[in-house]
Protein backbone atom coordinates (compact mmCIF):
# COMPACT_ATOMS: atom_id res chain seq x y z
CA MET A 1 0.18 -45.58 -10.63
CA LEU A 2 -0.54 -41.89 -11.13
CA SER A 3 -3.72 -39.92 -10.62
CA GLU A 4 -5.30 -37.91 -13.37
CA ASN A 5 -3.90 -34.64 -11.96
CA ASP A 6 -0.45 -36.21 -11.52
CA VAL A 7 -0.38 -37.20 -15.20
CA LYS A 8 -1.43 -33.72 -16.34
CA VAL A 9 1.21 -32.04 -14.19
CA LEU A 10 3.93 -34.52 -15.25
CA LYS A 11 3.10 -33.92 -18.91
CA ALA A 12 3.27 -30.13 -18.44
CA ILE A 13 6.65 -30.39 -16.70
CA SER A 14 7.98 -32.71 -19.41
CA GLU A 15 7.04 -30.00 -21.94
CA GLY A 16 9.20 -27.45 -20.14
CA ASP A 17 6.84 -25.76 -17.67
CA SER A 18 8.60 -25.30 -14.32
CA ASP A 19 6.50 -22.86 -12.27
CA PRO A 20 3.37 -24.07 -10.38
CA GLN A 21 1.38 -20.93 -11.20
CA SER A 22 2.04 -21.17 -14.95
CA ILE A 23 1.15 -24.89 -14.87
CA ALA A 24 -2.07 -24.11 -12.98
CA ASP A 25 -3.03 -21.43 -15.52
CA LYS A 26 -2.26 -23.78 -18.41
CA LEU A 27 -4.24 -26.72 -17.01
CA GLY A 28 -7.06 -24.73 -15.40
CA MET A 29 -6.21 -26.15 -11.96
CA LYS A 30 -5.73 -24.55 -8.57
CA VAL A 31 -2.09 -23.82 -7.82
CA GLU A 32 -2.40 -25.74 -4.53
CA ALA A 33 -3.48 -28.86 -6.48
CA VAL A 34 -0.49 -28.47 -8.81
CA ARG A 35 1.90 -28.24 -5.87
CA ALA A 36 0.30 -31.32 -4.24
CA SER A 37 0.71 -33.37 -7.44
CA ALA A 38 4.26 -32.12 -7.89
CA ASP A 39 5.15 -33.15 -4.34
CA ALA A 40 3.73 -36.62 -5.02
CA LEU A 41 5.72 -36.84 -8.28
CA GLY A 42 8.80 -35.68 -6.44
CA GLU A 43 8.40 -38.43 -3.81
CA GLN A 44 8.30 -40.98 -6.64
CA GLY A 45 11.44 -39.53 -8.20
CA MET A 46 9.73 -38.45 -11.41
CA ILE A 47 10.54 -34.75 -11.02
CA ARG A 48 13.02 -32.64 -9.07
CA VAL A 49 11.38 -30.03 -6.82
CA THR A 50 13.43 -26.97 -5.89
CA LYS A 51 12.01 -24.57 -3.30
CA SER A 52 13.51 -21.15 -2.72
CA VAL A 53 12.67 -17.84 -1.09
CA ASP A 54 12.73 -14.72 -3.24
CA GLU A 55 13.60 -11.53 -1.34
CA LYS A 56 13.75 -8.00 -2.64
CA ILE A 57 16.60 -5.85 -1.33
CA SER A 58 16.90 -2.07 -1.50
CA LEU A 59 19.14 0.70 -0.18
CA THR A 60 18.40 2.79 2.88
CA GLU A 61 19.09 6.54 2.86
CA GLU A 62 22.52 5.95 4.40
CA GLY A 63 23.19 3.09 1.98
CA THR A 64 22.41 5.39 -0.97
CA LYS A 65 24.88 7.95 0.41
CA TYR A 66 27.68 5.37 0.70
CA ALA A 67 26.89 3.92 -2.74
CA LYS A 68 27.46 7.37 -4.23
CA GLU A 69 30.33 8.61 -2.02
CA GLY A 70 32.03 5.31 -1.16
CA LEU A 71 32.14 3.32 2.08
CA PRO A 72 33.77 5.25 4.95
CA GLU A 73 36.43 2.55 5.46
CA LYS A 74 37.46 2.75 1.78
CA ASN A 75 37.63 6.56 1.91
CA LEU A 76 39.65 6.39 5.13
CA LEU A 77 42.05 3.79 3.68
CA GLN A 78 42.64 5.94 0.61
CA SER A 79 43.42 8.96 2.81
CA LEU A 80 45.95 7.20 5.07
CA GLY A 81 48.96 7.22 2.77
CA SER A 82 51.67 5.41 4.74
CA GLY A 83 49.90 6.09 8.05
CA LYS A 84 48.03 8.71 10.07
CA PRO A 85 47.52 9.44 13.83
CA ILE A 86 44.04 8.62 15.16
CA SER A 87 43.89 12.11 16.69
CA GLU A 88 43.70 13.59 13.17
CA LEU A 89 40.46 11.78 12.37
CA LYS A 90 38.00 14.67 12.60
CA ASP A 91 35.46 13.45 10.03
CA PRO A 92 32.67 11.43 11.82
CA GLY A 93 32.54 9.13 8.78
CA PHE A 94 36.17 8.18 9.31
CA LYS A 95 35.43 7.17 12.89
CA ILE A 96 32.72 4.82 11.58
CA GLY A 97 35.12 3.44 9.00
CA LEU A 98 37.88 2.78 11.53
CA GLY A 99 36.17 -0.27 13.01
CA TRP A 100 35.43 -1.72 9.57
CA LEU A 101 39.05 -1.15 8.51
CA ARG A 102 40.20 -3.44 11.30
CA LYS A 103 37.36 -5.93 10.73
CA LYS A 104 38.35 -6.27 7.06
CA ASP A 105 42.07 -6.48 7.97
CA TRP A 106 42.81 -3.47 5.80
CA ALA A 107 44.74 -1.58 8.50
CA THR A 108 46.35 -1.92 11.91
CA ILE A 109 46.54 0.46 14.88
CA GLN A 110 49.77 0.72 16.84
CA GLY A 111 50.86 3.49 19.17
CA GLY A 112 47.98 5.73 18.13
CA MET A 113 48.90 5.38 14.44
CA ILE A 114 46.72 3.79 11.74
CA ARG A 115 48.77 2.01 9.10
CA PRO A 116 47.36 0.35 5.95
CA LEU A 117 47.86 -3.38 5.44
CA ALA A 118 46.32 -3.72 1.99
CA SER A 119 45.72 -1.78 -1.20
CA PRO A 120 42.15 -0.57 -1.77
CA THR A 121 40.21 -3.19 -3.73
CA THR A 122 36.56 -3.40 -4.70
CA GLY A 123 34.75 -5.68 -2.24
CA LEU A 124 31.53 -7.59 -2.81
CA ASP A 125 29.70 -5.22 -0.46
CA GLU A 126 30.66 -2.28 -2.71
CA VAL A 127 29.59 -4.23 -5.81
CA MET A 128 26.18 -4.88 -4.28
CA LEU A 129 25.76 -1.24 -3.18
CA GLN A 130 26.47 -0.09 -6.74
CA GLU A 131 24.04 -2.65 -8.15
CA LEU A 132 21.30 -1.53 -5.72
CA LEU A 133 21.88 2.12 -6.59
CA ALA A 134 20.02 1.45 -9.84
CA GLY A 135 16.98 0.21 -7.91
CA GLU A 136 15.52 -2.70 -5.92
CA LYS A 137 17.06 -6.10 -6.70
CA SER A 138 16.38 -9.71 -5.77
CA ARG A 139 18.86 -11.81 -3.84
CA ALA A 140 19.43 -13.91 -6.99
CA ASP A 141 20.38 -10.80 -8.99
CA LEU A 142 22.91 -9.78 -6.35
CA GLN A 143 24.33 -13.29 -6.22
CA LYS A 144 24.85 -13.22 -9.98
CA LYS A 145 26.51 -9.80 -9.83
CA SER A 146 28.79 -10.97 -7.01
CA LEU A 147 29.73 -14.10 -8.94
CA ASP A 148 30.47 -12.07 -12.08
CA HIS A 149 32.72 -9.82 -10.01
CA LEU A 150 34.62 -12.82 -8.60
CA LYS A 151 35.02 -14.24 -12.13
CA SER A 152 36.53 -10.95 -13.25
CA LEU A 153 39.24 -11.33 -10.62
CA ILE A 154 40.19 -14.85 -11.78
CA ASP A 155 42.21 -15.68 -14.87
CA PRO A 156 39.83 -17.31 -17.42
CA LYS A 157 42.12 -20.33 -17.76
CA ASP A 158 42.06 -20.85 -14.00
CA LEU A 159 38.26 -20.57 -14.02
CA ASP A 160 37.91 -23.19 -16.77
CA HIS A 161 40.28 -25.45 -14.85
CA LEU A 162 38.20 -24.93 -11.69
CA LYS A 163 35.01 -25.88 -13.54
CA SER A 164 36.65 -29.08 -14.80
CA LEU A 165 37.53 -30.05 -11.24
CA VAL A 166 34.27 -29.16 -9.52
CA ASP A 167 31.02 -31.09 -9.87
CA PRO A 168 28.38 -28.82 -11.52
CA LYS A 169 26.04 -29.32 -8.54
CA SER A 170 28.83 -28.22 -6.21
CA LEU A 171 29.39 -25.13 -8.36
CA ASP A 172 25.67 -24.30 -8.07
CA HIS A 173 26.00 -24.64 -4.31
CA LEU A 174 29.08 -22.40 -4.44
CA LYS A 175 26.97 -19.71 -6.13
CA SER A 176 24.48 -19.72 -3.26
CA LEU A 177 27.30 -19.05 -0.80
CA VAL A 178 28.71 -16.02 -2.59
CA ASP A 179 27.08 -13.18 -0.69
CA PRO A 180 25.29 -14.12 2.59
CA LYS A 181 27.95 -12.62 4.89
CA ASP A 182 28.34 -9.44 2.87
CA LEU A 183 24.58 -8.95 2.70
CA ALA A 184 24.27 -9.62 6.44
CA ASP A 185 26.97 -7.01 7.11
CA LEU A 186 25.19 -4.46 4.92
CA LYS A 187 21.93 -5.13 6.76
CA SER A 188 23.56 -4.89 10.22
CA ARG A 189 25.05 -1.53 9.20
CA GLY A 190 21.60 -0.28 8.24
CA LEU A 191 22.59 0.18 4.59
CA VAL A 192 20.03 -2.19 3.03
CA THR A 193 16.53 -3.36 3.85
CA PHE A 194 14.82 -6.65 2.97
CA SER A 195 11.24 -6.72 1.74
CA LYS A 196 8.80 -9.53 2.51
CA SER A 197 10.05 -12.86 1.23
CA LYS A 198 8.10 -14.88 -1.33
CA LYS A 199 8.32 -18.65 -1.74
CA LYS A 200 9.14 -19.98 -5.20
CA TRP A 201 8.93 -23.49 -6.62
CA ARG A 202 10.81 -24.83 -9.64
CA TYR A 203 10.10 -28.23 -11.22
CA GLU A 204 12.37 -30.27 -13.50
CA ILE A 205 11.61 -33.70 -14.93
CA THR A 206 14.02 -36.54 -14.09
CA GLU A 207 15.07 -39.58 -16.12
CA VAL A 208 12.50 -41.63 -14.17
CA GLY A 209 9.78 -39.22 -15.23
CA LYS A 210 10.94 -39.28 -18.83
CA ASN A 211 10.87 -43.10 -18.86
CA TYR A 212 7.26 -43.10 -17.60
CA GLY A 213 6.38 -40.73 -20.40
CA SER A 214 7.99 -42.98 -23.02
CA TYR A 215 5.54 -45.78 -22.12
CA GLY A 216 2.63 -43.52 -22.93
CA MET A 217 0.88 -41.59 -20.24
CA ASP A 218 -2.56 -42.80 -21.16
CA MET A 219 -1.60 -46.35 -20.16
CA ILE A 220 -0.74 -45.36 -16.59
CA LEU A 221 -3.84 -43.25 -16.05
CA ILE A 222 -6.04 -44.04 -13.07
CA HIS A 223 -8.63 -41.48 -12.06
CA GLU A 224 -8.72 -39.93 -8.63
CA MET A 225 -11.55 -41.11 -6.40
CA PRO A 226 -14.55 -38.81 -6.95
CA PRO A 227 -17.12 -38.05 -4.22
CA LEU A 228 -18.79 -41.37 -3.47
CA THR A 229 -22.45 -41.88 -4.42
CA PRO A 230 -24.84 -44.56 -3.05
CA ASP A 231 -24.70 -46.35 -6.42
CA MET A 232 -20.89 -46.43 -6.39
CA ILE A 233 -20.88 -47.93 -2.90
CA LYS A 234 -23.56 -50.46 -3.84
CA ASN A 235 -22.37 -51.55 -7.30
CA GLY A 236 -18.68 -50.65 -7.39
CA GLN A 237 -15.86 -53.11 -6.66
CA PHE A 238 -13.45 -52.01 -3.92
CA SER A 239 -10.01 -53.55 -3.54
CA GLU A 240 -6.79 -52.78 -1.71
CA ARG A 241 -3.40 -53.01 -3.41
CA ASP A 242 -0.14 -52.01 -1.76
CA GLY A 243 -2.02 -50.29 1.04
CA VAL A 244 -4.07 -48.11 -1.38
CA LEU A 245 -7.85 -48.35 -1.85
CA TYR A 246 -9.10 -48.79 -5.46
CA LEU A 247 -12.63 -48.68 -6.91
CA ASP A 248 -13.69 -50.23 -10.23
CA TYR A 249 -16.97 -48.68 -11.35
CA ARG A 250 -18.68 -48.66 -14.76
CA GLY A 251 -15.50 -49.43 -16.68
CA SER A 252 -13.27 -46.91 -14.92
CA SER A 253 -10.72 -47.41 -12.17
CA TYR A 254 -10.40 -44.93 -9.33
CA ARG A 255 -7.74 -44.61 -6.65
CA ALA A 256 -8.13 -43.04 -3.21
CA ARG A 257 -5.27 -40.57 -2.89
CA PRO A 258 -3.06 -41.44 0.10
CA TYR A 259 -2.04 -38.66 2.46
CA ASP A 260 1.11 -38.56 4.57
CA VAL A 261 -0.02 -36.74 7.71
CA THR A 262 3.59 -36.50 8.93
CA LEU A 263 4.61 -34.11 6.13
CA ALA A 264 5.04 -30.45 7.08
CA ALA A 265 2.27 -28.20 5.82
CA ASP A 266 2.39 -24.52 4.98
CA ARG A 267 1.74 -22.44 8.09
CA ILE A 268 -1.58 -20.63 7.90
CA ILE A 269 -1.59 -17.31 9.75
CA PRO A 270 -5.17 -15.98 9.94
CA GLY A 271 -6.11 -12.42 10.69
CA LYS A 272 -7.30 -11.99 14.27
CA LYS A 273 -7.90 -9.37 16.90
CA HIS A 274 -5.03 -8.42 19.22
CA PRO A 275 -5.19 -10.58 22.40
CA TYR A 276 -5.17 -7.50 24.63
CA GLN A 277 -8.01 -5.88 22.67
CA ARG A 278 -10.03 -9.11 22.92
CA LEU A 279 -9.62 -9.03 26.70
CA ILE A 280 -10.75 -5.40 26.87
CA ASP A 281 -13.78 -6.18 24.70
CA PHE A 282 -14.56 -9.18 26.92
CA MET A 283 -14.55 -6.95 30.02
CA ARG A 284 -16.75 -4.43 28.25
CA GLU A 285 -19.29 -7.16 27.40
CA ILE A 286 -19.41 -8.27 31.04
CA MET A 287 -20.12 -4.74 32.28
CA LEU A 288 -22.82 -4.18 29.67
CA GLU A 289 -24.43 -7.53 30.56
CA MET A 290 -24.54 -6.41 34.20
CA GLY A 291 -26.56 -3.33 33.24
CA PHE A 292 -23.86 -0.65 33.24
CA VAL A 293 -23.55 2.14 30.66
CA GLU A 294 -20.13 3.06 29.25
CA ILE A 295 -18.77 6.58 29.72
CA LYS A 296 -15.78 8.34 28.15
CA GLY A 297 -13.72 11.38 29.08
CA GLN A 298 -10.83 13.54 27.90
CA ILE A 299 -7.24 12.35 28.27
CA VAL A 300 -6.22 15.88 29.32
CA GLN A 301 -7.95 16.80 32.57
CA SER A 302 -7.76 19.73 34.91
CA SER A 303 -6.26 19.07 38.33
CA PHE A 304 -9.70 20.07 39.65
CA TRP A 305 -11.39 16.95 38.27
CA ASN A 306 -8.33 14.68 38.49
CA PHE A 307 -7.49 15.53 42.13
CA ASP A 308 -9.50 18.26 43.90
CA ALA A 309 -13.00 16.90 43.16
CA LEU A 310 -11.83 13.60 44.69
CA PHE A 311 -10.80 15.30 47.92
CA GLN A 312 -7.08 14.84 47.35
CA PRO A 313 -5.22 17.64 49.14
CA GLN A 314 -3.23 20.00 46.97
CA ASP A 315 -0.01 18.95 48.70
CA HIS A 316 -0.69 15.20 48.22
CA PRO A 317 2.41 13.25 47.03
CA ALA A 318 0.46 11.84 44.04
CA ARG A 319 0.38 15.34 42.55
CA GLU A 320 4.15 15.70 42.44
CA MET A 321 6.02 15.72 39.15
CA GLN A 322 7.47 12.24 39.68
CA ASP A 323 3.94 10.80 39.56
CA THR A 324 2.05 13.11 37.21
CA PHE A 325 2.53 14.48 33.68
CA TYR A 326 1.79 18.22 33.95
CA LEU A 327 1.09 20.33 30.85
CA ASP A 328 1.97 23.97 30.21
CA SER A 329 -1.70 24.96 30.06
CA LEU A 330 -4.57 25.99 32.33
CA ALA A 331 -8.18 24.81 32.19
CA GLU A 332 -11.48 26.48 32.91
CA ILE A 333 -13.07 24.95 36.03
CA PRO A 334 -16.66 25.08 37.35
CA ASP A 335 -17.82 26.94 40.45
CA PHE A 336 -15.37 25.69 43.06
CA ALA A 337 -16.73 27.39 46.21
CA ARG A 338 -18.10 24.20 47.81
CA VAL A 339 -15.01 22.16 46.88
CA LYS A 340 -12.82 24.90 48.39
CA GLU A 341 -14.83 24.86 51.62
CA MET A 342 -14.69 21.08 51.79
CA HIS A 343 -10.90 21.07 51.48
CA GLU A 344 -10.37 23.90 53.97
CA CYS A 345 -12.90 23.08 56.72
CA GLY A 346 -15.04 20.08 55.62
CA ARG A 347 -18.29 22.08 55.61
CA GLY A 348 -21.32 19.99 54.61
CA ALA A 349 -19.80 16.59 55.40
CA GLU A 350 -19.24 16.67 59.18
CA SER A 351 -15.51 16.73 58.42
CA THR A 352 -12.55 18.88 59.39
CA GLY A 353 -11.26 19.01 55.81
CA TRP A 354 -7.54 19.32 55.17
CA GLY A 355 -7.07 22.81 56.55
CA GLY A 356 -4.79 25.33 54.91
CA CYS A 357 -5.68 27.48 51.93
CA TRP A 358 -7.09 25.84 48.80
CA LYS A 359 -5.78 27.57 45.64
CA PRO A 360 -7.83 27.70 42.41
CA GLU A 361 -4.70 28.29 40.30
CA VAL A 362 -3.42 24.85 41.35
CA ALA A 363 -6.77 23.28 40.42
CA ARG A 364 -6.58 24.86 36.93
CA GLN A 365 -3.33 23.11 36.01
CA GLU A 366 -3.89 20.57 33.24
CA VAL A 367 -2.51 17.04 33.48
CA LEU A 368 -2.61 13.76 31.58
CA ARG A 369 -5.20 11.90 33.66
CA THR A 370 -3.59 9.65 36.28
CA HIS A 371 -6.79 7.57 36.67
CA THR A 372 -10.26 7.36 35.18
CA THR A 373 -11.93 8.31 38.48
CA GLY A 374 -11.77 11.95 37.41
CA VAL A 375 -14.09 11.07 34.51
CA THR A 376 -16.39 9.23 36.95
CA ILE A 377 -16.82 12.10 39.42
CA LYS A 378 -17.52 14.54 36.57
CA TYR A 379 -20.21 12.16 35.25
CA LEU A 380 -21.75 11.99 38.76
CA ALA A 381 -21.67 15.77 39.04
CA ASP A 382 -23.68 15.94 35.79
CA HIS A 383 -26.05 13.12 36.93
CA PRO A 384 -26.61 13.65 40.69
CA GLU A 385 -29.96 11.84 40.80
CA PRO A 386 -30.15 8.02 41.23
CA PRO A 387 -29.94 5.44 39.85
CA VAL A 388 -26.51 5.59 38.15
CA LYS A 389 -24.59 2.52 36.95
CA ALA A 390 -21.64 3.48 34.77
CA PHE A 391 -18.20 2.19 33.80
CA GLY A 392 -15.26 3.20 31.64
CA ILE A 393 -12.22 1.42 30.17
CA ASP A 394 -9.59 3.94 29.20
CA ARG A 395 -5.88 4.68 29.17
CA VAL A 396 -4.22 6.58 32.03
CA TYR A 397 -0.73 8.07 32.40
CA ARG A 398 1.81 8.15 35.23
CA ARG A 399 5.52 8.87 35.40
CA GLU A 400 6.81 5.30 35.79
CA ALA A 401 10.17 3.79 34.91
CA ILE A 402 9.56 1.22 32.15
CA ASP A 403 10.28 -2.37 33.13
CA ALA A 404 8.66 -5.82 32.91
CA THR A 405 5.76 -4.83 35.21
CA HIS A 406 5.47 -1.03 34.78
CA THR A 407 4.76 1.31 31.87
CA PRO A 408 3.98 5.05 31.89
CA GLU A 409 0.62 4.42 30.23
CA PHE A 410 -1.84 1.62 30.83
CA GLU A 411 -5.56 0.80 30.78
CA GLN A 412 -7.89 1.03 33.76
CA LEU A 413 -11.44 -0.21 34.24
CA GLU A 414 -13.57 2.03 36.48
CA GLY A 415 -17.09 1.31 37.71
CA ILE A 416 -19.62 3.16 39.91
CA VAL A 417 -23.10 2.49 41.30
CA MET A 418 -25.12 5.28 42.90
CA ASP A 419 -28.61 4.53 44.25
CA ARG A 420 -30.80 4.77 47.30
CA ASP A 421 -29.79 2.51 50.20
CA VAL A 422 -26.89 0.70 48.41
CA THR A 423 -24.34 -0.58 50.89
CA PHE A 424 -20.79 -1.85 51.16
CA SER A 425 -22.15 -5.42 50.93
CA HIS A 426 -23.66 -4.62 47.54
CA LEU A 427 -20.20 -3.49 46.39
CA LEU A 428 -18.58 -6.78 47.44
CA GLY A 429 -21.34 -8.73 45.67
CA ILE A 430 -20.91 -6.79 42.41
CA LEU A 431 -17.14 -7.29 42.49
CA LYS A 432 -17.43 -10.99 43.20
CA GLU A 433 -19.87 -11.41 40.29
CA PHE A 434 -17.58 -9.46 37.94
CA TYR A 435 -14.48 -11.49 38.82
CA ALA A 436 -16.46 -14.74 38.54
CA LYS A 437 -17.49 -13.78 34.98
CA MET A 438 -13.82 -13.09 34.30
CA GLY A 439 -13.04 -16.68 35.25
CA PHE A 440 -11.60 -16.12 38.73
CA GLU A 441 -13.36 -18.63 40.97
CA GLU A 442 -11.76 -17.70 44.31
CA VAL A 443 -12.09 -14.05 45.38
CA ARG A 444 -11.36 -12.43 48.72
CA PHE A 445 -11.21 -8.87 50.06
CA ARG A 446 -8.82 -7.26 52.50
CA PRO A 447 -8.99 -3.76 54.01
CA GLY A 448 -7.31 -1.01 52.04
CA TYR A 449 -6.85 2.75 52.03
CA PHE A 450 -7.66 5.21 49.24
CA PRO A 451 -7.97 9.00 49.65
CA TYR A 452 -11.52 9.26 48.34
CA THR A 453 -13.28 6.09 49.60
CA GLU A 454 -14.20 4.87 53.08
CA PRO A 455 -14.52 2.00 53.80
CA SER A 456 -12.04 0.67 51.20
CA VAL A 457 -10.95 -2.82 50.12
CA GLU A 458 -8.45 -4.44 47.79
CA PRO A 459 -9.96 -7.42 45.91
CA GLU A 460 -7.65 -10.43 45.48
CA VAL A 461 -8.04 -13.52 43.29
CA PHE A 462 -6.31 -16.87 43.66
CA ILE A 463 -4.04 -17.93 40.76
CA ASP A 464 -2.51 -21.42 40.63
CA GLY A 465 1.25 -21.10 41.02
CA LEU A 466 1.07 -17.48 42.17
CA GLY A 467 -1.28 -17.55 45.15
CA TRP A 468 -3.40 -14.52 46.01
CA VAL A 469 -2.97 -11.61 43.58
CA GLU A 470 -4.33 -8.09 44.19
CA LEU A 471 -6.33 -6.80 41.19
CA GLY A 472 -7.51 -3.31 42.07
CA GLY A 473 -9.15 -1.14 44.68
CA ALA A 474 -12.74 -0.40 45.70
CA GLY A 475 -14.80 1.41 48.29
CA VAL A 476 -17.66 3.82 49.01
CA PHE A 477 -17.07 7.47 48.06
CA ARG A 478 -16.57 9.68 51.10
CA LYS A 479 -19.10 12.45 51.71
CA GLU A 480 -16.26 14.92 51.19
CA VAL A 481 -16.28 13.78 47.54
CA THR A 482 -20.02 13.65 46.86
CA ALA A 483 -21.45 16.48 49.03
CA PRO A 484 -19.99 19.44 47.03
CA PHE A 485 -21.85 18.21 43.93
CA GLY A 486 -25.24 17.68 45.59
CA ILE A 487 -25.00 13.87 45.53
CA GLU A 488 -27.03 12.66 48.50
CA HIS A 489 -26.94 8.87 48.04
CA PRO A 490 -24.11 6.35 48.49
CA VAL A 491 -21.71 5.80 45.60
CA LEU A 492 -19.98 2.44 45.24
CA ALA A 493 -16.78 2.64 43.19
CA TRP A 494 -13.91 0.43 42.08
CA GLY A 495 -10.94 0.46 39.72
CA LEU A 496 -9.07 -2.41 38.07
CA GLY A 497 -5.70 -2.53 36.29
CA VAL A 498 -6.58 -4.17 32.97
CA SER A 499 -2.98 -4.88 31.96
CA ARG A 500 -2.35 -6.86 35.13
CA VAL A 501 -5.34 -9.10 34.34
CA ALA A 502 -4.01 -9.49 30.78
CA MET A 503 -0.65 -10.70 32.09
CA LEU A 504 -2.39 -13.34 34.21
CA LYS A 505 -4.78 -14.45 31.48
CA LEU A 506 -2.20 -14.56 28.69
CA GLY A 507 0.59 -16.04 30.81
CA LEU A 508 2.99 -13.12 30.25
CA LYS A 509 5.99 -12.18 32.35
CA ASP A 510 6.66 -8.88 30.58
CA LEU A 511 3.95 -6.21 30.43
CA ARG A 512 5.63 -4.53 27.44
CA LEU A 513 4.55 -7.34 25.12
CA LEU A 514 1.00 -5.97 25.26
CA TYR A 515 2.13 -2.75 23.58
CA GLN A 516 4.97 -3.91 21.30
CA SER A 517 4.41 -5.17 17.77
CA ASP A 518 5.98 -8.58 18.35
CA ILE A 519 4.50 -10.24 15.27
CA GLU A 520 5.65 -13.75 16.25
CA TRP A 521 3.94 -13.49 19.67
CA LEU A 522 0.76 -12.19 18.04
CA ARG A 523 0.79 -15.07 15.55
CA SER A 524 1.47 -17.76 18.15
CA THR A 525 -1.17 -16.60 20.65
CA PRO A 526 -4.24 -18.71 19.78
CA VAL A 527 -7.49 -16.89 19.22
CA SER A 528 -9.26 -19.65 21.16
CA ILE A 529 -7.44 -18.92 24.44
CA LYS A 530 -9.90 -18.83 27.31
CA LEU A 531 -10.25 -15.32 28.68
């Protein structure tokens, strides 16, 4: 028994239509419905379904050069004569061709001499390069050209004899095997590129399908089950035959279409936001919900704001070239008298400072910001009156060797609270609330040291399978930081490495995945993952 759509599709195929899109256009159906009916007809042996992938192939710049000038191994072979010393190979192209000469068994190397083993012939790779020189081609076109070339090398009588000995289906299979290795070699050499592949379907009616048609298609017609109505359920007659549900209603017979849930379906790849960006947006939402305002700053900062305003001495190791990207430029800096005094003698903060001589020319040096705290202190300097609750999520830069857990640029989340009578306990409470909203149920704090906060802590969260993991640093700004800018109230501050949280949340072992365009990882990471 066939459904109404099955009959229509079978009739179209019997009339010579072989492409699902053309059948869909002809019958006014969706192409997906045509493919579904065709698959059902194929399972019943009424049609033959052939699926293929159509790829477009084109030359690269280097491939175009070789198509015009010849492959380097061919040019080298033609220049060898009876042999040539390797030391005479001055042309860089010949050095490239040397390896391919040996790979193709065209020459041998003995005692520093290259000697030819074969006469120059036109290979399939050269045929395909010449064909592509005229423009982009499909894989099928190149296969045909390769097969034509092979035929030209065989005596016609031998070819006819070969056809008489080989099953036609086997010969079709032979065609599909003509060029894969040569194409793969051309691609590995960077001479051709492959465009996005496109699936193609081709339908052909079988003898079984033709026999059904000879009985008259109207006689085998049973309608597909329409959406059920109350009257159909009440007055229709339902029956089951061969495991299929049928409905007889008002003189017509309907069949519920069976579905094989074990069949492979086309993979649907929806558009979605990058997992790392979703995590950053999630953090931003948490901070905004907690009443913070977001602040931004320049990537290029003066050493004054990046280091000096935070009471980092000018000879601090963090300023050295191995940690910081310095630029060949100088910045304008604000009145630095109070910062200079703070560094040299600690005036205004009951401190001894760092001693020595503070140099404004060092503070003017521009750097790629090594943290977002420089943006924070500048915002506080512009807003010295309480209350202040601000945060920023931005990229920072440090001279790091790239490996699975380090990159020279990464994101950092920075937060500050400045108000009357806020204390260290308030800081711990804010951090605990933030990490709880992030999904970390167990949080603890251990003492830490940072140049511009005192007291300081390092928050840690418990991760199953990893134990306690440190996720940032926090503390109360020292008076040496706030006093030069007229800030009279406590400032609670913390920083968090966003990429480290992303690795934990996304189950990654390599930090570089967050920044590489690994399309398969992006596709396989579900959008519903709990952040």
